[in-house]
Amino acid sequence: MPRHFVYLVRCADGTLYTGYSTDVARRVSVHNSGKGAKYTRSRLPVVLVAHWEYPSRGEALSAEHRIRRMRPAAKLALLPGDSP
């Protein structure tokens, strides 16, 4: 049964990128290879700063959508370990 994650990476320019994956380490590696999201390709390298697990794909994608709509300060507030 696949696990569903939402992750937050910090790009080299200091911006934050939010994504969904079933394998966070592999996805961060793909970002850093330059084959990830268009947004991160010009902002390499990226560093994983947080990830959260969800029981279903739908819940993870809903959380990803909520987090993407947040302002950067609100995203940073999630980092101490709070769940989104």
PDB file of N, CA and C in Angstrom:
ATOM      1  N   MET A   1       0.844  -1.177   0.000  1.00  0.00           N
ATOM      2  CA  MET A   1       0.000   0.000   0.000  1.00  0.00           C
ATOM      3  C   MET A   1       0.893   1.246   0.000  1.00  0.00           C
ATOM      4  N   PRO A   2       0.735   2.127  -0.973  1.00  0.00           N
ATOM      5  CA  PRO A   2       1.616   3.298  -1.048  1.00  0.00           C
ATOM      6  C   PRO A   2       1.353   4.282   0.086  1.00  0.00           C
ATOM      7  N   ARG A   3       2.412   4.970   0.448  1.00  0.00           N
ATOM      8  CA  ARG A   3       2.314   6.029   1.444  1.00  0.00           C
ATOM      9  C   ARG A   3       2.231   7.346   0.684  1.00  0.00           C
ATOM     10  N   HIS A   4       1.516   8.313   1.230  1.00  0.00           N
ATOM     11  CA  HIS A   4       1.270   9.583   0.551  1.00  0.00           C
ATOM     12  C   HIS A   4       1.832  10.723   1.387  1.00  0.00           C
ATOM     13  N   PHE A   5       2.680  11.533   0.754  1.00  0.00           N
ATOM     14  CA  PHE A   5       3.367  12.607   1.451  1.00  0.00           C
ATOM     15  C   PHE A   5       3.191  13.940   0.749  1.00  0.00           C
ATOM     16  N   VAL A   6       3.185  14.991   1.551  1.00  0.00           N
ATOM     17  CA  VAL A   6       3.332  16.358   1.066  1.00  0.00           C
ATOM     18  C   VAL A   6       4.673  16.803   1.612  1.00  0.00           C
ATOM     19  N   TYR A   7       5.459  17.447   0.768  1.00  0.00           N
ATOM     20  CA  TYR A   7       6.792  17.858   1.201  1.00  0.00           C
ATOM     21  C   TYR A   7       7.024  19.326   0.884  1.00  0.00           C
ATOM     22  N   LEU A   8       7.974  19.902   1.596  1.00  0.00           N
ATOM     23  CA  LEU A   8       8.346  21.295   1.424  1.00  0.00           C
ATOM     24  C   LEU A   8       9.856  21.334   1.255  1.00  0.00           C
ATOM     25  N   VAL A   9      10.315  21.938   0.161  1.00  0.00           N
ATOM     26  CA  VAL A   9      11.750  22.090  -0.065  1.00  0.00           C
ATOM     27  C   VAL A   9      12.089  23.568  -0.126  1.00  0.00           C
ATOM     28  N   ARG A  10      13.314  23.877   0.310  1.00  0.00           N
ATOM     29  CA  ARG A  10      13.819  25.237   0.191  1.00  0.00           C
ATOM     30  C   ARG A  10      14.738  25.264  -1.022  1.00  0.00           C
ATOM     31  N   CYS A  11      14.469  26.163  -1.950  1.00  0.00           N
ATOM     32  CA  CYS A  11      15.281  26.303  -3.149  1.00  0.00           C
ATOM     33  C   CYS A  11      16.514  27.161  -2.845  1.00  0.00           C
ATOM     34  N   ALA A  12      17.479  27.132  -3.744  1.00  0.00           N
ATOM     35  CA  ALA A  12      18.728  27.876  -3.557  1.00  0.00           C
ATOM     36  C   ALA A  12      18.489  29.378  -3.420  1.00  0.00           C
ATOM     37  N   ASP A  13      17.415  29.891  -4.014  1.00  0.00           N
ATOM     38  CA  ASP A  13      17.128  31.327  -3.911  1.00  0.00           C
ATOM     39  C   ASP A  13      16.322  31.670  -2.654  1.00  0.00           C
ATOM     40  N   GLY A  14      16.082  30.677  -1.794  1.00  0.00           N
ATOM     41  CA  GLY A  14      15.375  30.906  -0.532  1.00  0.00           C
ATOM     42  C   GLY A  14      13.876  30.712  -0.598  1.00  0.00           C
ATOM     43  N   THR A  15      13.324  30.504  -1.789  1.00  0.00           N
ATOM     44  CA  THR A  15      11.889  30.286  -1.907  1.00  0.00           C
ATOM     45  C   THR A  15      11.540  28.859  -1.479  1.00  0.00           C
ATOM     46  N   LEU A  16      10.266  28.652  -1.219  1.00  0.00           N
ATOM     47  CA  LEU A  16       9.783  27.336  -0.805  1.00  0.00           C
ATOM     48  C   LEU A  16       8.921  26.736  -1.905  1.00  0.00           C
ATOM     49  N   TYR A  17       9.046  25.433  -2.106  1.00  0.00           N
ATOM     50  CA  TYR A  17       8.247  24.713  -3.094  1.00  0.00           C
ATOM     51  C   TYR A  17       7.537  23.579  -2.372  1.00  0.00           C
ATOM     52  N   THR A  18       6.262  23.418  -2.639  1.00  0.00           N
ATOM     53  CA  THR A  18       5.446  22.372  -2.031  1.00  0.00           C
ATOM     54  C   THR A  18       5.088  21.338  -3.086  1.00  0.00           C
ATOM     55  N   GLY A  19       5.184  20.057  -2.729  1.00  0.00           N
ATOM     56  CA  GLY A  19       4.845  19.010  -3.675  1.00  0.00           C
ATOM     57  C   GLY A  19       4.247  17.791  -2.993  1.00  0.00           C
ATOM     58  N   TYR A  20       3.814  16.847  -3.839  1.00  0.00           N
ATOM     59  CA  TYR A  20       3.232  15.585  -3.389  1.00  0.00           C
ATOM     60  C   TYR A  20       4.084  14.455  -3.944  1.00  0.00           C
ATOM     61  N   SER A  21       4.264  13.393  -3.156  1.00  0.00           N
ATOM     62  CA  SER A  21       4.993  12.226  -3.641  1.00  0.00           C
ATOM     63  C   SER A  21       4.688  11.027  -2.759  1.00  0.00           C
ATOM     64  N   THR A  22       4.927   9.844  -3.311  1.00  0.00           N
ATOM     65  CA  THR A  22       4.845   8.622  -2.516  1.00  0.00           C
ATOM     66  C   THR A  22       6.239   8.219  -2.043  1.00  0.00           C
ATOM     67  N   ASP A  23       7.280   8.883  -2.547  1.00  0.00           N
ATOM     68  CA  ASP A  23       8.671   8.623  -2.151  1.00  0.00           C
ATOM     69  C   ASP A  23       9.405   9.956  -2.135  1.00  0.00           C
ATOM     70  N   VAL A  24       9.457  10.581  -0.977  1.00  0.00           N
ATOM     71  CA  VAL A  24       9.989  11.932  -0.846  1.00  0.00           C
ATOM     72  C   VAL A  24      11.471  11.993  -1.215  1.00  0.00           C
ATOM     73  N   ALA A  25      12.280  11.071  -0.738  1.00  0.00           N
ATOM     74  CA  ALA A  25      13.718  11.107  -1.031  1.00  0.00           C
ATOM     75  C   ALA A  25      13.974  11.020  -2.536  1.00  0.00           C
ATOM     76  N   ARG A  26      13.251  10.135  -3.203  1.00  0.00           N
ATOM     77  CA  ARG A  26      13.409  10.012  -4.652  1.00  0.00           C
ATOM     78  C   ARG A  26      12.982  11.291  -5.348  1.00  0.00           C
ATOM     79  N   ARG A  27      11.900  11.885  -4.905  1.00  0.00           N
ATOM     80  CA  ARG A  27      11.388  13.098  -5.538  1.00  0.00           C
ATOM     81  C   ARG A  27      12.349  14.268  -5.370  1.00  0.00           C
ATOM     82  N   VAL A  28      12.940  14.413  -4.191  1.00  0.00           N
ATOM     83  CA  VAL A  28      13.919  15.479  -3.979  1.00  0.00           C
ATOM     84  C   VAL A  28      15.132  15.250  -4.883  1.00  0.00           C
ATOM     85  N   SER A  29      15.529  13.999  -5.026  1.00  0.00           N
ATOM     86  CA  SER A  29      16.630  13.657  -5.921  1.00  0.00           C
ATOM     87  C   SER A  29      16.303  14.038  -7.368  1.00  0.00           C
ATOM     88  N   VAL A  30      15.076  13.783  -7.788  1.00  0.00           N
ATOM     89  CA  VAL A  30      14.648  14.148  -9.143  1.00  0.00           C
ATOM     90  C   VAL A  30      14.693  15.666  -9.313  1.00  0.00           C
ATOM     91  N   HIS A  31      14.219  16.401  -8.306  1.00  0.00           N
ATOM     92  CA  HIS A  31      14.301  17.868  -8.367  1.00  0.00           C
ATOM     93  C   HIS A  31      15.763  18.290  -8.562  1.00  0.00           C
ATOM     94  N   ASN A  32      16.650  17.743  -7.748  1.00  0.00           N
ATOM     95  CA  ASN A  32      18.052  18.152  -7.796  1.00  0.00           C
ATOM     96  C   ASN A  32      18.773  17.706  -9.063  1.00  0.00           C
ATOM     97  N   SER A  33      18.233  16.743  -9.780  1.00  0.00           N
ATOM     98  CA  SER A  33      18.829  16.326 -11.050  1.00  0.00           C
ATOM     99  C   SER A  33      18.427  17.264 -12.183  1.00  0.00           C
ATOM    100  N   GLY A  34      17.515  18.205 -11.905  1.00  0.00           N
ATOM    101  CA  GLY A  34      17.063  19.138 -12.925  1.00  0.00           C
ATOM    102  C   GLY A  34      15.886  18.625 -13.725  1.00  0.00           C
ATOM    103  N   LYS A  35      15.350  17.478 -13.330  1.00  0.00           N
ATOM    104  CA  LYS A  35      14.230  16.879 -14.066  1.00  0.00           C
ATOM    105  C   LYS A  35      12.922  16.962 -13.292  1.00  0.00           C
ATOM    106  N   GLY A  36      12.917  17.739 -12.224  1.00  0.00           N
ATOM    107  CA  GLY A  36      11.710  17.872 -11.418  1.00  0.00           C
ATOM    108  C   GLY A  36      10.799  18.950 -11.968  1.00  0.00           C
ATOM    109  N   ALA A  37      10.105  19.610 -11.102  1.00  0.00           N
ATOM    110  CA  ALA A  37       9.162  20.653 -11.487  1.00  0.00           C
ATOM    111  C   ALA A  37       9.878  21.813 -12.176  1.00  0.00           C
ATOM    112  N   LYS A  38       9.206  22.422 -13.106  1.00  0.00           N
ATOM    113  CA  LYS A  38       9.772  23.550 -13.834  1.00  0.00           C
ATOM    114  C   LYS A  38      10.219  24.651 -12.864  1.00  0.00           C
ATOM    115  N   TYR A  39       9.441  24.872 -11.800  1.00  0.00           N
ATOM    116  CA  TYR A  39       9.766  25.911 -10.825  1.00  0.00           C
ATOM    117  C   TYR A  39      11.134  25.682 -10.195  1.00  0.00           C
ATOM    118  N   THR A  40      11.455  24.438  -9.858  1.00  0.00           N
ATOM    119  CA  THR A  40      12.710  24.172  -9.141  1.00  0.00           C
ATOM    120  C   THR A  40      13.919  24.075 -10.062  1.00  0.00           C
ATOM    121  N   ARG A  41      13.719  23.842 -11.342  1.00  0.00           N
ATOM    122  CA  ARG A  41      14.846  23.644 -12.267  1.00  0.00           C
ATOM    123  C   ARG A  41      15.829  24.806 -12.282  1.00  0.00           C
ATOM    124  N   SER A  42      15.340  26.018 -12.180  1.00  0.00           N
ATOM    125  CA  SER A  42      16.221  27.182 -12.208  1.00  0.00           C
ATOM    126  C   SER A  42      16.606  27.650 -10.808  1.00  0.00           C
ATOM    127  N   ARG A  43      16.263  26.872  -9.790  1.00  0.00           N
ATOM    128  CA  ARG A  43      16.525  27.270  -8.404  1.00  0.00           C
ATOM    129  C   ARG A  43      17.248  26.170  -7.633  1.00  0.00           C
ATOM    130  N   LEU A  44      18.127  25.456  -8.302  1.00  0.00           N
ATOM    131  CA  LEU A  44      18.834  24.325  -7.694  1.00  0.00           C
ATOM    132  C   LEU A  44      20.037  24.780  -6.892  1.00  0.00           C
ATOM    133  N   PRO A  45      20.420  24.021  -5.886  1.00  0.00           N
ATOM    134  CA  PRO A  45      19.796  22.796  -5.399  1.00  0.00           C
ATOM    135  C   PRO A  45      18.635  23.092  -4.455  1.00  0.00           C
ATOM    136  N   VAL A  46      17.824  22.073  -4.231  1.00  0.00           N
ATOM    137  CA  VAL A  46      16.741  22.179  -3.258  1.00  0.00           C
ATOM    138  C   VAL A  46      17.093  21.299  -2.062  1.00  0.00           C
ATOM    139  N   VAL A  47      16.581  21.700  -0.903  1.00  0.00           N
ATOM    140  CA  VAL A  47      16.818  20.962   0.344  1.00  0.00           C
ATOM    141  C   VAL A  47      15.477  20.689   1.002  1.00  0.00           C
ATOM    142  N   LEU A  48      15.246  19.446   1.360  1.00  0.00           N
ATOM    143  CA  LEU A  48      14.011  19.079   2.046  1.00  0.00           C
ATOM    144  C   LEU A  48      13.987  19.721   3.430  1.00  0.00           C
ATOM    145  N   VAL A  49      12.909  20.455   3.734  1.00  0.00           N
ATOM    146  CA  VAL A  49      12.799  21.086   5.048  1.00  0.00           C
ATOM    147  C   VAL A  49      11.660  20.497   5.885  1.00  0.00           C
ATOM    148  N   ALA A  50      10.696  19.841   5.238  1.00  0.00           N
ATOM    149  CA  ALA A  50       9.594  19.223   5.989  1.00  0.00           C
ATOM    150  C   ALA A  50       8.835  18.266   5.085  1.00  0.00           C
ATOM    151  N   HIS A  51       8.199  17.285   5.712  1.00  0.00           N
ATOM    152  CA  HIS A  51       7.270  16.415   4.988  1.00  0.00           C
ATOM    153  C   HIS A  51       6.263  15.864   5.978  1.00  0.00           C
ATOM    154  N   TRP A  52       5.073  15.597   5.464  1.00  0.00           N
ATOM    155  CA  TRP A  52       3.973  15.102   6.276  1.00  0.00           C
ATOM    156  C   TRP A  52       3.336  13.927   5.557  1.00  0.00           C
ATOM    157  N   GLU A  53       2.962  12.906   6.306  1.00  0.00           N
ATOM    158  CA  GLU A  53       2.316  11.732   5.720  1.00  0.00           C
ATOM    159  C   GLU A  53       0.800  11.819   5.910  1.00  0.00           C
ATOM    160  N   TYR A  54       0.056  11.351   4.894  1.00  0.00           N
ATOM    161  CA  TYR A  54      -1.398  11.350   4.929  1.00  0.00           C
ATOM    162  C   TYR A  54      -1.913   9.953   4.608  1.00  0.00           C
ATOM    163  N   PRO A  55      -3.100   9.605   5.107  1.00  0.00           N
ATOM    164  CA  PRO A  55      -3.625   8.248   4.914  1.00  0.00           C
ATOM    165  C   PRO A  55      -4.097   7.944   3.493  1.00  0.00           C
ATOM    166  N   SER A  56      -4.382   8.991   2.705  1.00  0.00           N
ATOM    167  CA  SER A  56      -4.856   8.737   1.346  1.00  0.00           C
ATOM    168  C   SER A  56      -4.286   9.773   0.392  1.00  0.00           C
ATOM    169  N   ARG A  57      -4.316   9.429  -0.884  1.00  0.00           N
ATOM    170  CA  ARG A  57      -3.824  10.340  -1.917  1.00  0.00           C
ATOM    171  C   ARG A  57      -4.657  11.619  -1.923  1.00  0.00           C
ATOM    172  N   GLY A  58      -5.960  11.466  -1.806  1.00  0.00           N
ATOM    173  CA  GLY A  58      -6.856  12.620  -1.819  1.00  0.00           C
ATOM    174  C   GLY A  58      -6.575  13.600  -0.694  1.00  0.00           C
ATOM    175  N   GLU A  59      -6.355  13.068   0.507  1.00  0.00           N
ATOM    176  CA  GLU A  59      -6.054  13.940   1.643  1.00  0.00           C
ATOM    177  C   GLU A  59      -4.721  14.647   1.448  1.00  0.00           C
ATOM    178  N   ALA A  60      -3.745  13.934   0.911  1.00  0.00           N
ATOM    179  CA  ALA A  60      -2.425  14.533   0.664  1.00  0.00           C
ATOM    180  C   ALA A  60      -2.528  15.637  -0.384  1.00  0.00           C
ATOM    181  N   LEU A  61      -3.260  15.387  -1.459  1.00  0.00           N
ATOM    182  CA  LEU A  61      -3.392  16.398  -2.505  1.00  0.00           C
ATOM    183  C   LEU A  61      -4.169  17.617  -2.015  1.00  0.00           C
ATOM    184  N   SER A  62      -5.143  17.408  -1.154  1.00  0.00           N
ATOM    185  CA  SER A  62      -5.879  18.536  -0.560  1.00  0.00           C
ATOM    186  C   SER A  62      -4.952  19.374   0.315  1.00  0.00           C
ATOM    187  N   ALA A  63      -4.121  18.699   1.109  1.00  0.00           N
ATOM    188  CA  ALA A  63      -3.168  19.413   1.962  1.00  0.00           C
ATOM    189  C   ALA A  63      -2.148  20.162   1.113  1.00  0.00           C
ATOM    190  N   GLU A  64      -1.675  19.518   0.047  1.00  0.00           N
ATOM    191  CA  GLU A  64      -0.717  20.187  -0.845  1.00  0.00           C
ATOM    192  C   GLU A  64      -1.335  21.472  -1.402  1.00  0.00           C
ATOM    193  N   HIS A  65      -2.568  21.393  -1.826  1.00  0.00           N
ATOM    194  CA  HIS A  65      -3.249  22.563  -2.369  1.00  0.00           C
ATOM    195  C   HIS A  65      -3.358  23.676  -1.325  1.00  0.00           C
ATOM    196  N   ARG A  66      -3.735  23.317  -0.092  1.00  0.00           N
ATOM    197  CA  ARG A  66      -3.840  24.308   0.989  1.00  0.00           C
ATOM    198  C   ARG A  66      -2.495  24.968   1.254  1.00  0.00           C
ATOM    199  N   ILE A  67      -1.444  24.160   1.334  1.00  0.00           N
ATOM    200  CA  ILE A  67      -0.118  24.698   1.650  1.00  0.00           C
ATOM    201  C   ILE A  67       0.386  25.588   0.517  1.00  0.00           C
ATOM    202  N   ARG A  68       0.180  25.177  -0.721  1.00  0.00           N
ATOM    203  CA  ARG A  68       0.629  25.991  -1.860  1.00  0.00           C
ATOM    204  C   ARG A  68      -0.005  27.375  -1.844  1.00  0.00           C
ATOM    205  N   ARG A  69      -1.211  27.480  -1.359  1.00  0.00           N
ATOM    206  CA  ARG A  69      -1.910  28.773  -1.330  1.00  0.00           C
ATOM    207  C   ARG A  69      -1.467  29.659  -0.173  1.00  0.00           C
ATOM    208  N   MET A  70      -0.714  29.126   0.774  1.00  0.00           N
ATOM    209  CA  MET A  70      -0.261  29.904   1.930  1.00  0.00           C
ATOM    210  C   MET A  70       0.830  30.896   1.542  1.00  0.00           C
ATOM    211  N   ARG A  71       0.908  31.939   2.304  1.00  0.00           N
ATOM    212  CA  ARG A  71       2.012  32.890   2.161  1.00  0.00           C
ATOM    213  C   ARG A  71       3.276  32.238   2.726  1.00  0.00           C
ATOM    214  N   PRO A  72       4.446  32.706   2.288  1.00  0.00           N
ATOM    215  CA  PRO A  72       5.697  32.110   2.767  1.00  0.00           C
ATOM    216  C   PRO A  72       5.832  32.076   4.299  1.00  0.00           C
ATOM    217  N   ALA A  73       5.402  33.128   4.966  1.00  0.00           N
ATOM    218  CA  ALA A  73       5.500  33.157   6.431  1.00  0.00           C
ATOM    219  C   ALA A  73       4.657  32.056   7.069  1.00  0.00           C
ATOM    220  N   ALA A  74       3.494  31.796   6.515  1.00  0.00           N
ATOM    221  CA  ALA A  74       2.633  30.732   7.041  1.00  0.00           C
ATOM    222  C   ALA A  74       3.268  29.365   6.795  1.00  0.00           C
ATOM    223  N   LYS A  75       3.913  29.200   5.647  1.00  0.00           N
ATOM    224  CA  LYS A  75       4.607  27.940   5.370  1.00  0.00           C
ATOM    225  C   LYS A  75       5.739  27.734   6.359  1.00  0.00           C
ATOM    226  N   LEU A  76       6.481  28.798   6.647  1.00  0.00           N
ATOM    227  CA  LEU A  76       7.582  28.692   7.609  1.00  0.00           C
ATOM    228  C   LEU A  76       7.069  28.332   8.995  1.00  0.00           C
ATOM    229  N   ALA A  77       5.878  28.767   9.327  1.00  0.00           N
ATOM    230  CA  ALA A  77       5.290  28.455  10.635  1.00  0.00           C
ATOM    231  C   ALA A  77       5.001  26.969  10.774  1.00  0.00           C
ATOM    232  N   LEU A  78       4.895  26.253   9.657  1.00  0.00           N
ATOM    233  CA  LEU A  78       4.651  24.816   9.693  1.00  0.00           C
ATOM    234  C   LEU A  78       5.901  24.030  10.070  1.00  0.00           C
ATOM    235  N   LEU A  79       7.068  24.592   9.896  1.00  0.00           N
ATOM    236  CA  LEU A  79       8.319  23.861  10.038  1.00  0.00           C
ATOM    237  C   LEU A  79       8.641  23.319  11.414  1.00  0.00           C
ATOM    238  N   PRO A  80       8.271  23.943  12.523  1.00  0.00           N
ATOM    239  CA  PRO A  80       8.654  23.378  13.821  1.00  0.00           C
ATOM    240  C   PRO A  80       8.073  22.006  14.126  1.00  0.00           C
ATOM    241  N   GLY A  81       7.326  21.419  13.210  1.00  0.00           N
ATOM    242  CA  GLY A  81       6.773  20.086  13.441  1.00  0.00           C
ATOM    243  C   GLY A  81       5.261  20.059  13.502  1.00  0.00           C
ATOM    244  N   ASP A  82       4.627  21.204  13.315  1.00  0.00           N
ATOM    245  CA  ASP A  82       3.166  21.245  13.304  1.00  0.00           C
ATOM    246  C   ASP A  82       2.641  20.565  12.052  1.00  0.00           C
ATOM    247  N   SER A  83       1.494  19.963  12.139  1.00  0.00           N
ATOM    248  CA  SER A  83       0.858  19.329  10.984  1.00  0.00           C
ATOM    249  C   SER A  83      -0.023  20.334  10.281  1.00  0.00           C
ATOM    250  N   PRO A  84       0.025  20.396   8.952  1.00  0.00           N
ATOM    251  CA  PRO A  84      -0.775  21.413   8.231  1.00  0.00           C
ATOM    252  C   PRO A  84      -2.264  21.164   8.301  1.00  0.00           C
TER     253      PRO A  84
END
